[in-house]
Amino acid sequence: MAGTGLEQYRKRKGLTQAKVAEALGIDAGRMSRMEAGEIIPTPEELDRLVVMLEVTPNYLFSKHVLAEVAERARMAS
């Protein structure tokens, strides 16, 4: 999976990976892997990220990743 825009927008806000991870309630390793594009966020994590970073999801992740997040949310409901 390709990298994400997450790092770019996190840095624009002056936030560290550790601060974002703490706000999301996840460990720093998960945050690092998410930022590298190795794993995708849960629907809840994505919701928190877009609010925290003040961007739309498509600035953070590719359409493919967003489609997978949406599918997971649909399956969970």
C-alpha atoms as a PDB file:
ATOM      1  CA  MET A   1       0.000   0.000   0.000  1.00  0.00           C
ATOM      2  CA  ALA A   2       1.330   3.458  -0.840  1.00  0.00           C
ATOM      3  CA  GLY A   3       2.064   6.065   1.789  1.00  0.00           C
ATOM      4  CA  THR A   4      -0.545   8.529   2.938  1.00  0.00           C
ATOM      5  CA  GLY A   5      -1.039  12.270   3.281  1.00  0.00           C
ATOM      6  CA  LEU A   6      -1.459  11.759   6.994  1.00  0.00           C
ATOM      7  CA  GLU A   7       2.142  12.670   7.849  1.00  0.00           C
ATOM      8  CA  GLN A   8       2.012  15.865   5.807  1.00  0.00           C
ATOM      9  CA  TYR A   9      -1.171  17.156   7.440  1.00  0.00           C
ATOM     10  CA  ARG A  10      -0.103  16.025  10.909  1.00  0.00           C
ATOM     11  CA  LYS A  11       3.115  18.019  10.563  1.00  0.00           C
ATOM     12  CA  ARG A  12       1.239  21.073   9.249  1.00  0.00           C
ATOM     13  CA  LYS A  13      -0.686  21.068  12.515  1.00  0.00           C
ATOM     14  CA  GLY A  14       2.564  20.794  14.468  1.00  0.00           C
ATOM     15  CA  LEU A  15       1.563  17.441  15.966  1.00  0.00           C
ATOM     16  CA  THR A  16       3.798  14.494  16.701  1.00  0.00           C
ATOM     17  CA  GLN A  17       2.832  10.923  15.941  1.00  0.00           C
ATOM     18  CA  ALA A  18       2.715  10.332  19.681  1.00  0.00           C
ATOM     19  CA  LYS A  19       0.235  13.189  20.252  1.00  0.00           C
ATOM     20  CA  VAL A  20      -2.061  12.003  17.464  1.00  0.00           C
ATOM     21  CA  ALA A  21      -1.831   8.403  18.672  1.00  0.00           C
ATOM     22  CA  GLU A  22      -2.716   9.493  22.194  1.00  0.00           C
ATOM     23  CA  ALA A  23      -5.704  11.500  20.944  1.00  0.00           C
ATOM     24  CA  LEU A  24      -6.904   8.495  18.956  1.00  0.00           C
ATOM     25  CA  GLY A  25      -6.368   6.123  21.854  1.00  0.00           C
ATOM     26  CA  ILE A  26      -3.933   3.952  19.896  1.00  0.00           C
ATOM     27  CA  ASP A  27      -0.288   3.041  20.365  1.00  0.00           C
ATOM     28  CA  ALA A  28       2.504   4.856  18.548  1.00  0.00           C
ATOM     29  CA  GLY A  29       3.336   1.773  16.488  1.00  0.00           C
ATOM     30  CA  ARG A  30      -0.164   1.649  15.033  1.00  0.00           C
ATOM     31  CA  MET A  31       0.017   5.352  14.246  1.00  0.00           C
ATOM     32  CA  SER A  32       3.370   4.893  12.500  1.00  0.00           C
ATOM     33  CA  ARG A  33       2.055   1.984  10.415  1.00  0.00           C
ATOM     34  CA  MET A  34      -1.088   3.932   9.518  1.00  0.00           C
ATOM     35  CA  GLU A  35       0.985   6.916   8.438  1.00  0.00           C
ATOM     36  CA  ALA A  36       3.228   4.668   6.330  1.00  0.00           C
ATOM     37  CA  GLY A  37       0.178   3.192   4.612  1.00  0.00           C
ATOM     38  CA  GLU A  38       0.811  -0.273   6.015  1.00  0.00           C
ATOM     39  CA  ILE A  39      -2.570  -0.440   7.760  1.00  0.00           C
ATOM     40  CA  ILE A  40      -5.812   1.442   7.362  1.00  0.00           C
ATOM     41  CA  PRO A  41      -7.654   3.338  10.076  1.00  0.00           C
ATOM     42  CA  THR A  42     -10.885   2.139  11.565  1.00  0.00           C
ATOM     43  CA  PRO A  43     -13.920   4.234  10.659  1.00  0.00           C
ATOM     44  CA  GLU A  44     -13.763   5.797  14.132  1.00  0.00           C
ATOM     45  CA  GLU A  45     -10.064   6.625  13.788  1.00  0.00           C
ATOM     46  CA  LEU A  46     -10.694   8.203  10.392  1.00  0.00           C
ATOM     47  CA  ASP A  47     -13.494  10.344  11.830  1.00  0.00           C
ATOM     48  CA  ARG A  48     -11.206  11.594  14.607  1.00  0.00           C
ATOM     49  CA  LEU A  49      -8.326  12.244  12.226  1.00  0.00           C
ATOM     50  CA  VAL A  50     -10.305  14.445   9.859  1.00  0.00           C
ATOM     51  CA  VAL A  51     -11.602  16.533  12.760  1.00  0.00           C
ATOM     52  CA  MET A  52      -8.202  16.788  14.418  1.00  0.00           C
ATOM     53  CA  LEU A  53      -6.346  17.673  11.214  1.00  0.00           C
ATOM     54  CA  GLU A  54      -9.199  19.733   9.720  1.00  0.00           C
ATOM     55  CA  VAL A  55      -9.096  18.035   6.320  1.00  0.00           C
ATOM     56  CA  THR A  56     -11.373  15.773   4.334  1.00  0.00           C
ATOM     57  CA  PRO A  57     -10.573  12.053   4.257  1.00  0.00           C
ATOM     58  CA  ASN A  58      -9.442  12.142   0.635  1.00  0.00           C
ATOM     59  CA  TYR A  59      -6.532  14.396   1.602  1.00  0.00           C
ATOM     60  CA  LEU A  60      -5.302  11.752   4.033  1.00  0.00           C
ATOM     61  CA  PHE A  61      -5.893   8.480   2.204  1.00  0.00           C
ATOM     62  CA  SER A  62      -6.426   7.150  -1.314  1.00  0.00           C
ATOM     63  CA  LYS A  63      -9.879   6.325  -2.668  1.00  0.00           C
ATOM     64  CA  HIS A  64      -9.030   2.633  -2.370  1.00  0.00           C
ATOM     65  CA  VAL A  65      -8.311   2.955   1.353  1.00  0.00           C
ATOM     66  CA  LEU A  66     -11.409   5.074   1.936  1.00  0.00           C
ATOM     67  CA  ALA A  67     -13.547   2.490   0.133  1.00  0.00           C
ATOM     68  CA  GLU A  68     -12.183  -0.209   2.444  1.00  0.00           C
ATOM     69  CA  VAL A  69     -12.885   1.922   5.531  1.00  0.00           C
ATOM     70  CA  ALA A  70     -16.448   2.526   4.297  1.00  0.00           C
ATOM     71  CA  GLU A  71     -16.939  -1.192   3.672  1.00  0.00           C
ATOM     72  CA  ARG A  72     -15.771  -2.017   7.188  1.00  0.00           C
ATOM     73  CA  ALA A  73     -18.165   0.549   8.632  1.00  0.00           C
ATOM     74  CA  ARG A  74     -21.032  -0.877   6.569  1.00  0.00           C
ATOM     75  CA  MET A  75     -20.262  -4.415   7.703  1.00  0.00           C
ATOM     76  CA  ALA A  76     -20.052  -3.347  11.345  1.00  0.00           C
ATOM     77  CA  SER A  77     -23.515  -1.778  11.328  1.00  0.00           C
END
